[in-house]
Amino acid sequence: MNSPKTAYQIEESALELLRTYGSSDWDKNVRTYLASVETLKQRYAQEREMARIPITIEGDIKTLSPGGHNVLISKIVSEFASRFTPAGKLLYVGDTDEKFAHFNEASLTALGVTIDAHGKMPDVIVHFTAKNWLVLIEAVTSHGPINPKRKAELEKLFKSSTIPLVMVTAFLSRKAMAEYLSDIAWETDVWVAEEATHLVHFNGQHLLQAYSTNQSISEAQ
C-alpha cells in the first residue's frame, strides 16, 4: 500500500520570484522578497508580543506568553492570591516559554528552600505571610493535578522549607476539575477560576463542618 503524499503549496510571492530567475532583475527581486519575509517575521513577533498576558507582581507589570495555561496562571496571581493569601508575597511564577517568569530566590532561600534545577516546579509559589505558610499552586489545563505522586514530589522538592506547605490545584472550570477529581491527593485544596470565591478542601482532619448562609470566606477556611 502506497503511503499518502503530502501536498506542499508555495506562496505566491515565492512563485513570482522563481519566475524571474535568470533575468536582469533577479538580484533586486531576491532582495525585495527577503525584505518582505523579514517584515512578516517582525509583524508576527509584534503580534505575539501584543498577545502576551500581563500580570502585576509587587507593583511591576510582567507578561506571560500567550496560551490557556498562562491564562489560568494569570487568574491565580490576580484572583486566587489576592483572595486567599492577602498581602502574601509571590515568590515564583512559571511560564510555558520561560520557566522563571518571576523568581524571588533570596526569599525562598530565607525560608530554607534551595531549588533543585532538575526538580519540576509548581506553577506559582506564594509566601502567605499572615499564616507563615508556603503555598504551592499547580495550574491544570493539560497536565494532571496534585495527585499522591505529585504531592510526594513537591514534599521532596520543598523538604528543607522551615514553614508548612499548602498545596493547591487550580482549574479554569468545574468541568475541567471533574476530569481529574478522582486523582486529587488528600490534604490538598482545589480552586476553580470560574467560581473564584470558593475552595474545595480535600482534608481528612474535619469530618463535617457547618456553614451559615452569610459566613465570610475567611471564616469558612
N, C-alpha and C. Protein backbone atom coordinates (compact mmCIF):
# COMPACT_ATOMS: atom_id res chain seq x y z
N MET A 1 0.84 -1.19 0.00
CA MET A 1 0.00 0.00 0.00
C MET A 1 0.88 1.25 0.00
N ASN A 2 0.61 2.17 -0.93
CA ASN A 2 1.41 3.37 -1.03
C ASN A 2 1.08 4.34 0.09
N SER A 3 2.10 4.96 0.66
CA SER A 3 1.87 5.94 1.71
C SER A 3 1.32 7.21 1.09
N PRO A 4 0.45 7.94 1.80
CA PRO A 4 -0.13 9.15 1.25
C PRO A 4 0.93 10.22 1.01
N LYS A 5 0.76 10.96 -0.06
CA LYS A 5 1.70 12.01 -0.40
C LYS A 5 1.26 13.32 0.26
N THR A 6 2.23 14.06 0.72
CA THR A 6 1.94 15.35 1.34
C THR A 6 2.01 16.44 0.29
N ALA A 7 1.00 17.26 0.21
CA ALA A 7 0.96 18.34 -0.77
C ALA A 7 1.53 19.61 -0.15
N TYR A 8 2.45 20.24 -0.85
CA TYR A 8 3.05 21.49 -0.39
C TYR A 8 2.63 22.61 -1.33
N GLN A 9 2.36 23.76 -0.77
CA GLN A 9 1.96 24.91 -1.58
C GLN A 9 2.95 26.04 -1.37
N ILE A 10 3.48 26.55 -2.50
CA ILE A 10 4.44 27.66 -2.43
C ILE A 10 3.66 28.96 -2.48
N GLU A 11 4.00 29.87 -1.59
CA GLU A 11 3.29 31.14 -1.56
C GLU A 11 3.51 31.91 -2.85
N GLU A 12 2.56 32.76 -3.20
CA GLU A 12 2.56 33.46 -4.48
C GLU A 12 3.80 34.31 -4.68
N SER A 13 4.26 34.99 -3.62
CA SER A 13 5.45 35.85 -3.76
C SER A 13 6.69 35.04 -4.10
N ALA A 14 6.79 33.81 -3.56
CA ALA A 14 7.93 32.95 -3.87
C ALA A 14 7.85 32.46 -5.31
N LEU A 15 6.65 32.14 -5.77
CA LEU A 15 6.47 31.73 -7.17
C LEU A 15 6.86 32.85 -8.12
N GLU A 16 6.44 34.05 -7.78
CA GLU A 16 6.77 35.21 -8.63
C GLU A 16 8.27 35.41 -8.71
N LEU A 17 8.95 35.18 -7.59
CA LEU A 17 10.41 35.30 -7.58
C LEU A 17 11.04 34.25 -8.49
N LEU A 18 10.55 33.01 -8.41
CA LEU A 18 11.10 31.94 -9.23
C LEU A 18 10.90 32.20 -10.72
N ARG A 19 9.81 32.86 -11.07
CA ARG A 19 9.54 33.14 -12.49
C ARG A 19 10.55 34.12 -13.08
N THR A 20 11.20 34.93 -12.22
CA THR A 20 12.15 35.92 -12.72
C THR A 20 13.60 35.42 -12.66
N TYR A 21 13.75 34.11 -12.30
CA TYR A 21 15.11 33.56 -12.17
C TYR A 21 15.87 33.71 -13.50
N GLY A 22 17.10 34.23 -13.42
CA GLY A 22 17.93 34.40 -14.59
C GLY A 22 17.74 35.72 -15.30
N SER A 23 16.74 36.49 -14.89
CA SER A 23 16.51 37.77 -15.53
C SER A 23 17.44 38.83 -14.94
N SER A 24 17.46 39.99 -15.59
CA SER A 24 18.31 41.08 -15.11
C SER A 24 17.84 41.65 -13.78
N ASP A 25 16.57 41.38 -13.46
CA ASP A 25 16.02 41.90 -12.20
C ASP A 25 16.13 40.90 -11.05
N TRP A 26 16.78 39.76 -11.27
CA TRP A 26 16.81 38.68 -10.27
C TRP A 26 17.34 39.14 -8.92
N ASP A 27 18.51 39.81 -8.92
CA ASP A 27 19.12 40.23 -7.65
C ASP A 27 18.20 41.20 -6.90
N LYS A 28 17.63 42.15 -7.62
CA LYS A 28 16.73 43.12 -6.99
C LYS A 28 15.49 42.41 -6.43
N ASN A 29 14.96 41.45 -7.19
CA ASN A 29 13.77 40.73 -6.75
C ASN A 29 14.03 39.88 -5.50
N VAL A 30 15.23 39.29 -5.45
CA VAL A 30 15.61 38.50 -4.27
C VAL A 30 15.65 39.39 -3.03
N ARG A 31 16.26 40.57 -3.17
CA ARG A 31 16.35 41.49 -2.02
C ARG A 31 14.96 41.94 -1.57
N THR A 32 14.10 42.21 -2.56
CA THR A 32 12.74 42.63 -2.23
C THR A 32 11.98 41.52 -1.51
N TYR A 33 12.14 40.28 -1.99
CA TYR A 33 11.46 39.15 -1.39
C TYR A 33 11.94 38.92 0.04
N LEU A 34 13.26 38.96 0.25
CA LEU A 34 13.81 38.73 1.59
C LEU A 34 13.37 39.82 2.55
N ALA A 35 13.27 41.05 2.05
CA ALA A 35 12.81 42.15 2.90
C ALA A 35 11.36 41.94 3.33
N SER A 36 10.54 41.43 2.39
CA SER A 36 9.13 41.19 2.72
C SER A 36 8.99 40.07 3.74
N VAL A 37 9.83 39.03 3.62
CA VAL A 37 9.81 37.93 4.57
C VAL A 37 10.19 38.42 5.96
N GLU A 38 11.21 39.27 6.04
CA GLU A 38 11.65 39.81 7.31
C GLU A 38 10.56 40.67 7.94
N THR A 39 9.84 41.42 7.11
CA THR A 39 8.74 42.24 7.60
C THR A 39 7.65 41.37 8.21
N LEU A 40 7.35 40.24 7.55
CA LEU A 40 6.34 39.31 8.08
C LEU A 40 6.78 38.73 9.41
N LYS A 41 8.07 38.41 9.53
CA LYS A 41 8.60 37.88 10.79
C LYS A 41 8.45 38.90 11.91
N GLN A 42 8.78 40.16 11.58
CA GLN A 42 8.67 41.22 12.58
C GLN A 42 7.22 41.44 13.00
N ARG A 43 6.31 41.38 12.01
CA ARG A 43 4.90 41.56 12.30
C ARG A 43 4.39 40.44 13.21
N TYR A 44 4.82 39.20 12.91
CA TYR A 44 4.41 38.07 13.73
C TYR A 44 4.92 38.22 15.16
N ALA A 45 6.19 38.65 15.27
CA ALA A 45 6.78 38.83 16.60
C ALA A 45 6.03 39.92 17.37
N GLN A 46 5.66 41.00 16.69
CA GLN A 46 4.92 42.08 17.33
C GLN A 46 3.54 41.62 17.78
N GLU A 47 2.85 40.86 16.91
CA GLU A 47 1.52 40.37 17.26
C GLU A 47 1.57 39.41 18.44
N ARG A 48 2.62 38.57 18.46
CA ARG A 48 2.77 37.64 19.58
C ARG A 48 3.05 38.40 20.87
N GLU A 49 3.86 39.46 20.76
CA GLU A 49 4.17 40.27 21.94
C GLU A 49 2.92 40.96 22.47
N MET A 50 2.07 41.44 21.56
CA MET A 50 0.84 42.11 21.96
C MET A 50 -0.14 41.14 22.62
N ALA A 51 -0.03 39.85 22.23
CA ALA A 51 -0.94 38.84 22.79
C ALA A 51 -0.48 38.31 24.14
N ARG A 52 0.70 38.74 24.59
CA ARG A 52 1.20 38.27 25.88
C ARG A 52 0.27 38.70 27.01
N ILE A 53 0.26 37.93 28.08
CA ILE A 53 -0.70 38.10 29.18
C ILE A 53 -0.04 38.88 30.32
N PRO A 54 -0.56 40.07 30.65
CA PRO A 54 0.06 40.87 31.71
C PRO A 54 -0.31 40.38 33.11
N ILE A 55 0.64 40.40 34.01
CA ILE A 55 0.39 40.13 35.43
C ILE A 55 1.14 41.20 36.23
N THR A 56 0.62 41.51 37.40
CA THR A 56 1.26 42.52 38.25
C THR A 56 1.84 41.84 39.49
N ILE A 57 3.13 42.05 39.70
CA ILE A 57 3.83 41.47 40.84
C ILE A 57 4.56 42.58 41.57
N GLU A 58 4.13 42.85 42.80
CA GLU A 58 4.74 43.89 43.64
C GLU A 58 4.81 45.23 42.90
N GLY A 59 3.73 45.55 42.20
CA GLY A 59 3.64 46.84 41.51
C GLY A 59 4.25 46.87 40.13
N ASP A 60 4.99 45.83 39.76
CA ASP A 60 5.61 45.76 38.44
C ASP A 60 4.75 44.90 37.51
N ILE A 61 4.62 45.33 36.26
CA ILE A 61 3.87 44.56 35.28
C ILE A 61 4.83 43.66 34.50
N LYS A 62 4.57 42.37 34.54
CA LYS A 62 5.32 41.41 33.75
C LYS A 62 4.34 40.72 32.80
N THR A 63 4.86 40.04 31.80
CA THR A 63 3.97 39.38 30.85
C THR A 63 4.32 37.91 30.70
N LEU A 64 3.28 37.11 30.48
CA LEU A 64 3.44 35.68 30.22
C LEU A 64 3.14 35.41 28.75
N SER A 65 3.72 34.37 28.20
CA SER A 65 3.46 34.03 26.81
C SER A 65 2.00 33.64 26.62
N PRO A 66 1.45 33.83 25.42
CA PRO A 66 0.03 33.53 25.18
C PRO A 66 -0.28 32.04 25.36
N GLY A 67 -1.50 31.74 25.73
CA GLY A 67 -1.92 30.34 25.86
C GLY A 67 -2.81 30.13 27.06
N GLY A 68 -3.65 29.08 26.99
CA GLY A 68 -4.62 28.81 28.03
C GLY A 68 -4.01 28.54 29.39
N HIS A 69 -2.85 27.87 29.40
CA HIS A 69 -2.19 27.56 30.67
C HIS A 69 -1.84 28.85 31.41
N ASN A 70 -1.28 29.80 30.67
CA ASN A 70 -0.88 31.06 31.29
C ASN A 70 -2.07 31.96 31.59
N VAL A 71 -3.19 31.78 30.89
CA VAL A 71 -4.42 32.47 31.27
C VAL A 71 -4.82 32.07 32.69
N LEU A 72 -4.73 30.77 32.97
CA LEU A 72 -5.05 30.28 34.31
C LEU A 72 -4.04 30.80 35.33
N ILE A 73 -2.78 30.81 34.98
CA ILE A 73 -1.76 31.32 35.90
C ILE A 73 -2.03 32.79 36.24
N SER A 74 -2.43 33.57 35.24
CA SER A 74 -2.73 34.99 35.50
C SER A 74 -3.90 35.14 36.46
N LYS A 75 -4.89 34.24 36.36
CA LYS A 75 -6.04 34.27 37.27
C LYS A 75 -5.62 33.87 38.68
N ILE A 76 -4.68 32.94 38.77
CA ILE A 76 -4.16 32.55 40.10
C ILE A 76 -3.51 33.75 40.76
N VAL A 77 -2.70 34.48 39.99
CA VAL A 77 -1.99 35.64 40.53
C VAL A 77 -2.96 36.75 40.92
N SER A 78 -3.91 37.06 40.03
CA SER A 78 -4.78 38.22 40.25
C SER A 78 -5.98 37.92 41.14
N GLU A 79 -6.49 36.68 41.13
CA GLU A 79 -7.71 36.38 41.87
C GLU A 79 -7.49 35.46 43.07
N PHE A 80 -6.84 34.33 42.85
CA PHE A 80 -6.63 33.42 43.97
C PHE A 80 -5.74 34.04 45.04
N ALA A 81 -4.57 34.53 44.61
CA ALA A 81 -3.60 35.03 45.58
C ALA A 81 -4.15 36.19 46.39
N SER A 82 -4.83 37.13 45.73
CA SER A 82 -5.36 38.29 46.45
C SER A 82 -6.48 37.90 47.40
N ARG A 83 -7.24 36.87 47.06
CA ARG A 83 -8.39 36.47 47.88
C ARG A 83 -8.00 35.53 49.03
N PHE A 84 -7.15 34.55 48.75
CA PHE A 84 -6.87 33.51 49.75
C PHE A 84 -5.51 33.65 50.43
N THR A 85 -4.64 34.47 49.86
CA THR A 85 -3.36 34.76 50.52
C THR A 85 -3.15 36.27 50.55
N PRO A 86 -4.09 37.03 51.12
CA PRO A 86 -3.99 38.50 51.09
C PRO A 86 -2.68 38.98 51.71
N ALA A 87 -2.07 39.95 51.03
CA ALA A 87 -0.78 40.51 51.45
C ALA A 87 0.33 39.48 51.38
N GLY A 88 0.06 38.36 50.71
CA GLY A 88 1.10 37.35 50.53
C GLY A 88 2.15 37.83 49.53
N LYS A 89 3.28 37.15 49.52
CA LYS A 89 4.40 37.54 48.65
C LYS A 89 4.60 36.48 47.57
N LEU A 90 4.45 36.89 46.31
CA LEU A 90 4.70 35.97 45.20
C LEU A 90 6.20 35.72 45.09
N LEU A 91 6.57 34.46 45.21
CA LEU A 91 8.00 34.11 45.16
C LEU A 91 8.39 33.49 43.82
N TYR A 92 7.42 32.89 43.14
CA TYR A 92 7.73 32.24 41.87
C TYR A 92 6.48 32.20 41.00
N VAL A 93 6.65 32.53 39.72
CA VAL A 93 5.59 32.37 38.72
C VAL A 93 6.24 31.75 37.49
N GLY A 94 5.72 30.60 37.07
CA GLY A 94 6.27 29.94 35.90
C GLY A 94 5.63 30.44 34.62
N ASP A 95 6.26 30.09 33.50
CA ASP A 95 5.75 30.46 32.18
C ASP A 95 6.00 29.28 31.25
N THR A 96 5.10 29.06 30.30
CA THR A 96 5.29 27.94 29.38
C THR A 96 6.49 28.16 28.47
N ASP A 97 6.83 29.42 28.19
CA ASP A 97 8.01 29.72 27.36
C ASP A 97 9.26 29.86 28.21
N GLU A 98 9.12 30.59 29.32
CA GLU A 98 10.26 30.82 30.21
C GLU A 98 9.94 30.18 31.56
N LYS A 99 10.77 29.26 31.98
CA LYS A 99 10.47 28.54 33.23
C LYS A 99 10.31 29.50 34.39
N PHE A 100 11.12 30.57 34.42
CA PHE A 100 11.09 31.50 35.53
C PHE A 100 10.62 32.87 35.03
N ALA A 101 9.31 33.08 35.00
CA ALA A 101 8.79 34.41 34.66
C ALA A 101 9.05 35.37 35.82
N HIS A 102 8.98 34.82 37.04
CA HIS A 102 9.30 35.59 38.24
C HIS A 102 9.88 34.62 39.26
N PHE A 103 11.00 34.99 39.85
CA PHE A 103 11.67 34.09 40.79
C PHE A 103 12.39 34.90 41.84
N ASN A 104 11.85 34.88 43.06
CA ASN A 104 12.49 35.57 44.18
C ASN A 104 13.30 34.52 44.96
N GLU A 105 14.46 34.25 44.45
CA GLU A 105 15.30 33.20 45.02
C GLU A 105 15.74 33.52 46.44
N ALA A 106 16.02 34.81 46.69
CA ALA A 106 16.51 35.21 48.01
C ALA A 106 15.46 34.92 49.09
N SER A 107 14.20 35.20 48.79
CA SER A 107 13.15 34.97 49.79
C SER A 107 12.94 33.48 50.03
N LEU A 108 13.02 32.68 48.98
CA LEU A 108 12.91 31.23 49.16
C LEU A 108 14.07 30.69 49.99
N THR A 109 15.25 31.19 49.71
CA THR A 109 16.44 30.76 50.47
C THR A 109 16.28 31.12 51.95
N ALA A 110 15.71 32.29 52.22
CA ALA A 110 15.49 32.71 53.61
C ALA A 110 14.51 31.79 54.33
N LEU A 111 13.66 31.10 53.55
CA LEU A 111 12.71 30.14 54.13
C LEU A 111 13.27 28.72 54.15
N GLY A 112 14.56 28.61 53.84
CA GLY A 112 15.23 27.31 53.88
C GLY A 112 15.13 26.51 52.61
N VAL A 113 14.53 27.10 51.56
CA VAL A 113 14.28 26.35 50.32
C VAL A 113 15.39 26.60 49.31
N THR A 114 16.04 25.54 48.91
CA THR A 114 17.01 25.59 47.82
C THR A 114 16.45 24.76 46.68
N ILE A 115 16.23 25.40 45.53
CA ILE A 115 15.56 24.74 44.42
C ILE A 115 16.53 23.86 43.64
N ASP A 116 16.13 22.62 43.47
CA ASP A 116 16.87 21.69 42.62
C ASP A 116 16.56 22.03 41.17
N ALA A 117 17.60 22.33 40.39
CA ALA A 117 17.39 22.74 38.99
C ALA A 117 16.68 21.67 38.19
N HIS A 118 16.77 20.41 38.61
CA HIS A 118 16.14 19.30 37.87
C HIS A 118 14.72 19.02 38.38
N GLY A 119 14.33 19.66 39.47
CA GLY A 119 13.01 19.41 40.02
C GLY A 119 11.92 20.15 39.25
N LYS A 120 10.75 19.56 39.17
CA LYS A 120 9.63 20.18 38.46
C LYS A 120 8.90 21.12 39.41
N MET A 121 9.04 22.41 39.13
CA MET A 121 8.46 23.43 40.00
C MET A 121 6.94 23.46 39.87
N PRO A 122 6.24 23.86 40.94
CA PRO A 122 4.82 24.19 40.79
C PRO A 122 4.71 25.45 39.93
N ASP A 123 3.52 25.78 39.49
CA ASP A 123 3.36 26.93 38.59
C ASP A 123 3.46 28.26 39.33
N VAL A 124 2.98 28.30 40.56
CA VAL A 124 3.02 29.53 41.36
C VAL A 124 3.39 29.18 42.80
N ILE A 125 4.23 30.01 43.42
CA ILE A 125 4.56 29.85 44.84
C ILE A 125 4.29 31.17 45.53
N VAL A 126 3.53 31.11 46.62
CA VAL A 126 3.21 32.31 47.40
C VAL A 126 3.60 32.07 48.86
N HIS A 127 4.27 33.04 49.44
CA HIS A 127 4.50 33.01 50.89
C HIS A 127 3.34 33.76 51.53
N PHE A 128 2.43 33.02 52.14
CA PHE A 128 1.28 33.62 52.84
C PHE A 128 1.78 34.06 54.20
N THR A 129 2.23 35.30 54.27
CA THR A 129 2.94 35.78 55.46
C THR A 129 2.05 35.84 56.70
N ALA A 130 0.76 36.09 56.52
CA ALA A 130 -0.14 36.18 57.68
C ALA A 130 -0.20 34.87 58.45
N LYS A 131 -0.14 33.73 57.72
CA LYS A 131 -0.16 32.41 58.35
C LYS A 131 1.24 31.79 58.42
N ASN A 132 2.17 32.42 57.71
CA ASN A 132 3.52 31.87 57.54
C ASN A 132 3.47 30.48 56.92
N TRP A 133 2.76 30.37 55.80
CA TRP A 133 2.67 29.15 55.01
C TRP A 133 3.31 29.38 53.65
N LEU A 134 3.86 28.32 53.07
CA LEU A 134 4.35 28.36 51.71
C LEU A 134 3.31 27.65 50.83
N VAL A 135 2.64 28.40 49.97
CA VAL A 135 1.53 27.88 49.18
C VAL A 135 2.04 27.53 47.78
N LEU A 136 1.92 26.25 47.44
CA LEU A 136 2.38 25.74 46.14
C LEU A 136 1.16 25.46 45.28
N ILE A 137 1.10 26.08 44.10
CA ILE A 137 -0.10 26.01 43.27
C ILE A 137 0.23 25.44 41.89
N GLU A 138 -0.54 24.44 41.50
CA GLU A 138 -0.41 23.84 40.17
C GLU A 138 -1.59 24.28 39.32
N ALA A 139 -1.33 24.80 38.12
CA ALA A 139 -2.38 25.17 37.18
C ALA A 139 -2.58 24.02 36.21
N VAL A 140 -3.80 23.50 36.14
CA VAL A 140 -4.07 22.33 35.32
C VAL A 140 -4.89 22.72 34.10
N THR A 141 -4.28 22.59 32.92
CA THR A 141 -5.00 22.73 31.66
C THR A 141 -4.76 21.51 30.77
N SER A 142 -3.57 20.98 30.80
CA SER A 142 -3.28 19.77 30.02
C SER A 142 -2.61 18.70 30.87
N HIS A 143 -1.77 19.12 31.81
CA HIS A 143 -1.12 18.16 32.70
C HIS A 143 -1.98 17.95 33.95
N GLY A 144 -1.67 16.90 34.69
CA GLY A 144 -2.51 16.49 35.80
C GLY A 144 -2.40 17.36 37.04
N PRO A 145 -3.28 17.07 38.04
CA PRO A 145 -3.34 17.84 39.28
C PRO A 145 -2.31 17.36 40.29
N ILE A 146 -2.43 17.86 41.51
CA ILE A 146 -1.59 17.36 42.60
C ILE A 146 -2.21 16.05 43.08
N ASN A 147 -1.76 14.97 42.50
CA ASN A 147 -2.18 13.64 42.92
C ASN A 147 -1.18 13.12 43.96
N PRO A 148 -1.37 11.93 44.53
CA PRO A 148 -0.43 11.47 45.55
C PRO A 148 1.04 11.45 45.09
N LYS A 149 1.27 11.08 43.83
CA LYS A 149 2.64 11.04 43.31
C LYS A 149 3.24 12.45 43.25
N ARG A 150 2.45 13.39 42.71
CA ARG A 150 2.94 14.77 42.59
C ARG A 150 3.11 15.40 43.98
N LYS A 151 2.22 15.08 44.90
CA LYS A 151 2.33 15.59 46.27
C LYS A 151 3.65 15.15 46.90
N ALA A 152 3.99 13.88 46.70
CA ALA A 152 5.25 13.36 47.23
C ALA A 152 6.45 14.06 46.59
N GLU A 153 6.34 14.35 45.28
CA GLU A 153 7.42 15.06 44.58
C GLU A 153 7.61 16.46 45.15
N LEU A 154 6.51 17.16 45.39
CA LEU A 154 6.60 18.51 45.94
C LEU A 154 7.13 18.50 47.37
N GLU A 155 6.71 17.51 48.16
CA GLU A 155 7.22 17.40 49.52
C GLU A 155 8.73 17.16 49.52
N LYS A 156 9.20 16.39 48.57
CA LYS A 156 10.64 16.14 48.46
C LYS A 156 11.38 17.39 47.99
N LEU A 157 10.79 18.08 46.99
CA LEU A 157 11.43 19.27 46.43
C LEU A 157 11.54 20.39 47.47
N PHE A 158 10.53 20.48 48.37
CA PHE A 158 10.49 21.56 49.35
C PHE A 158 10.71 21.05 50.77
N LYS A 159 11.40 19.92 50.91
CA LYS A 159 11.59 19.31 52.23
C LYS A 159 12.40 20.18 53.18
N SER A 160 13.20 21.09 52.64
CA SER A 160 14.02 21.94 53.51
C SER A 160 13.29 23.19 53.98
N SER A 161 12.02 23.37 53.57
CA SER A 161 11.27 24.55 53.98
C SER A 161 11.12 24.59 55.49
N THR A 162 11.33 25.77 56.06
CA THR A 162 11.20 25.92 57.51
C THR A 162 9.77 26.24 57.93
N ILE A 163 8.86 26.39 56.96
CA ILE A 163 7.45 26.69 57.26
C ILE A 163 6.56 25.65 56.58
N PRO A 164 5.32 25.49 57.06
CA PRO A 164 4.42 24.47 56.50
C PRO A 164 4.09 24.72 55.02
N LEU A 165 3.83 23.62 54.32
CA LEU A 165 3.44 23.68 52.92
C LEU A 165 1.93 23.54 52.77
N VAL A 166 1.36 24.31 51.87
CA VAL A 166 -0.05 24.17 51.49
C VAL A 166 -0.06 23.96 49.98
N MET A 167 -0.75 22.92 49.53
CA MET A 167 -0.75 22.59 48.10
C MET A 167 -2.14 22.77 47.50
N VAL A 168 -2.18 23.48 46.38
CA VAL A 168 -3.45 23.81 45.73
C VAL A 168 -3.38 23.46 44.25
N THR A 169 -4.41 22.78 43.77
CA THR A 169 -4.57 22.55 42.33
C THR A 169 -5.60 23.52 41.81
N ALA A 170 -5.28 24.22 40.71
CA ALA A 170 -6.19 25.21 40.14
C ALA A 170 -6.69 24.76 38.77
N PHE A 171 -7.98 24.99 38.53
CA PHE A 171 -8.61 24.68 37.24
C PHE A 171 -9.33 25.93 36.73
N LEU A 172 -9.54 25.99 35.42
CA LEU A 172 -10.31 27.09 34.85
C LEU A 172 -11.81 26.93 35.12
N SER A 173 -12.30 25.67 35.14
CA SER A 173 -13.74 25.43 35.27
C SER A 173 -14.01 24.17 36.08
N ARG A 174 -15.26 24.04 36.55
CA ARG A 174 -15.65 22.82 37.27
C ARG A 174 -15.63 21.62 36.32
N LYS A 175 -15.96 21.86 35.06
CA LYS A 175 -15.91 20.78 34.08
C LYS A 175 -14.50 20.23 33.95
N ALA A 176 -13.52 21.12 33.92
CA ALA A 176 -12.13 20.68 33.85
C ALA A 176 -11.74 19.93 35.12
N MET A 177 -12.22 20.41 36.26
CA MET A 177 -11.92 19.75 37.54
C MET A 177 -12.49 18.33 37.56
N ALA A 178 -13.71 18.15 37.02
CA ALA A 178 -14.39 16.86 37.07
C ALA A 178 -13.56 15.75 36.42
N GLU A 179 -12.80 16.11 35.40
CA GLU A 179 -11.98 15.12 34.68
C GLU A 179 -10.91 14.51 35.58
N TYR A 180 -10.44 15.29 36.56
CA TYR A 180 -9.33 14.86 37.41
C TYR A 180 -9.73 14.62 38.86
N LEU A 181 -11.01 14.70 39.16
CA LEU A 181 -11.46 14.69 40.54
C LEU A 181 -10.97 13.48 41.33
N SER A 182 -10.98 12.32 40.70
CA SER A 182 -10.59 11.10 41.41
C SER A 182 -9.08 11.03 41.67
N ASP A 183 -8.31 11.92 41.05
CA ASP A 183 -6.85 11.89 41.21
C ASP A 183 -6.33 12.81 42.31
N ILE A 184 -7.17 13.72 42.79
CA ILE A 184 -6.71 14.73 43.75
C ILE A 184 -6.22 14.07 45.04
N ALA A 185 -5.05 14.50 45.51
CA ALA A 185 -4.48 13.95 46.74
C ALA A 185 -5.17 14.53 47.97
N TRP A 186 -5.31 13.69 49.01
CA TRP A 186 -5.80 14.18 50.29
C TRP A 186 -4.81 15.18 50.88
N GLU A 187 -5.32 16.03 51.76
CA GLU A 187 -4.54 17.09 52.40
C GLU A 187 -4.05 18.13 51.40
N THR A 188 -4.84 18.32 50.34
CA THR A 188 -4.58 19.41 49.39
C THR A 188 -5.90 20.15 49.17
N ASP A 189 -5.82 21.27 48.47
CA ASP A 189 -7.01 22.06 48.15
C ASP A 189 -7.16 22.20 46.64
N VAL A 190 -8.37 22.56 46.22
CA VAL A 190 -8.66 22.79 44.80
C VAL A 190 -9.35 24.14 44.66
N TRP A 191 -8.92 24.91 43.66
CA TRP A 191 -9.53 26.20 43.35
C TRP A 191 -9.96 26.21 41.90
N VAL A 192 -11.17 26.71 41.64
CA VAL A 192 -11.71 26.78 40.28
C VAL A 192 -11.92 28.24 39.92
N ALA A 193 -11.29 28.69 38.84
CA ALA A 193 -11.29 30.12 38.50
C ALA A 193 -12.69 30.66 38.22
N GLU A 194 -13.57 29.84 37.62
CA GLU A 194 -14.90 30.36 37.29
C GLU A 194 -15.77 30.51 38.55
N GLU A 195 -15.35 29.95 39.67
CA GLU A 195 -16.04 30.13 40.95
C GLU A 195 -15.00 30.54 41.98
N ALA A 196 -14.44 31.71 41.74
CA ALA A 196 -13.19 32.12 42.39
C ALA A 196 -13.28 32.35 43.89
N THR A 197 -14.51 32.45 44.42
CA THR A 197 -14.63 32.75 45.86
C THR A 197 -14.61 31.50 46.73
N HIS A 198 -14.50 30.32 46.14
CA HIS A 198 -14.58 29.08 46.91
C HIS A 198 -13.31 28.23 46.76
N LEU A 199 -13.05 27.47 47.80
CA LEU A 199 -12.01 26.43 47.77
C LEU A 199 -12.67 25.09 48.08
N VAL A 200 -12.14 24.03 47.50
CA VAL A 200 -12.56 22.67 47.84
C VAL A 200 -11.44 22.06 48.66
N HIS A 201 -11.76 21.65 49.89
CA HIS A 201 -10.75 21.11 50.80
C HIS A 201 -10.77 19.58 50.77
N PHE A 202 -9.70 18.99 50.30
CA PHE A 202 -9.53 17.54 50.39
C PHE A 202 -8.76 17.27 51.68
N ASN A 203 -9.50 17.41 52.77
CA ASN A 203 -8.86 17.44 54.08
C ASN A 203 -9.50 16.39 54.98
N GLY A 204 -8.69 15.48 55.51
CA GLY A 204 -9.21 14.42 56.35
C GLY A 204 -9.31 14.77 57.82
N GLN A 205 -8.95 16.00 58.20
CA GLN A 205 -8.94 16.36 59.62
C GLN A 205 -10.33 16.67 60.16
N HIS A 206 -11.22 17.16 59.30
CA HIS A 206 -12.57 17.54 59.74
C HIS A 206 -13.58 16.69 58.99
N LEU A 207 -14.36 15.91 59.73
CA LEU A 207 -15.33 15.03 59.09
C LEU A 207 -16.56 15.80 58.62
N LEU A 208 -16.94 16.85 59.35
CA LEU A 208 -18.14 17.59 59.00
C LEU A 208 -18.01 19.01 59.52
N GLN A 209 -18.48 19.97 58.73
CA GLN A 209 -18.41 21.37 59.17
C GLN A 209 -19.65 22.09 58.68
N ALA A 210 -20.26 22.89 59.55
CA ALA A 210 -21.46 23.65 59.20
C ALA A 210 -21.08 25.05 58.75
N TYR A 211 -21.84 25.57 57.79
CA TYR A 211 -21.63 26.92 57.28
C TYR A 211 -22.95 27.67 57.34
N SER A 212 -22.92 28.91 57.84
CA SER A 212 -24.11 29.74 57.76
C SER A 212 -24.19 30.37 56.40
N THR A 213 -25.36 30.82 55.99
CA THR A 213 -25.52 31.34 54.64
C THR A 213 -24.79 32.65 54.42
N ASN A 214 -24.49 33.38 55.48
CA ASN A 214 -23.78 34.65 55.33
C ASN A 214 -22.35 34.61 55.86
N GLN A 215 -21.83 33.39 55.97
CA GLN A 215 -20.48 33.22 56.52
C GLN A 215 -19.45 33.78 55.55
N SER A 216 -18.47 34.48 56.08
CA SER A 216 -17.44 35.07 55.22
C SER A 216 -16.45 34.02 54.78
N ILE A 217 -15.71 34.35 53.73
CA ILE A 217 -14.71 33.41 53.19
C ILE A 217 -13.66 33.11 54.23
N SER A 218 -13.19 34.15 54.93
CA SER A 218 -12.12 33.93 55.91
C SER A 218 -12.58 33.01 57.03
N GLU A 219 -13.86 33.09 57.40
CA GLU A 219 -14.38 32.23 58.46
C GLU A 219 -14.52 30.79 58.00
N ALA A 220 -14.77 30.62 56.69
CA ALA A 220 -15.02 29.28 56.16
C ALA A 220 -13.74 28.49 55.95
N GLN A 221 -12.61 29.18 55.96
CA GLN A 221 -11.35 28.47 55.70
C GLN A 221 -10.90 27.71 56.94
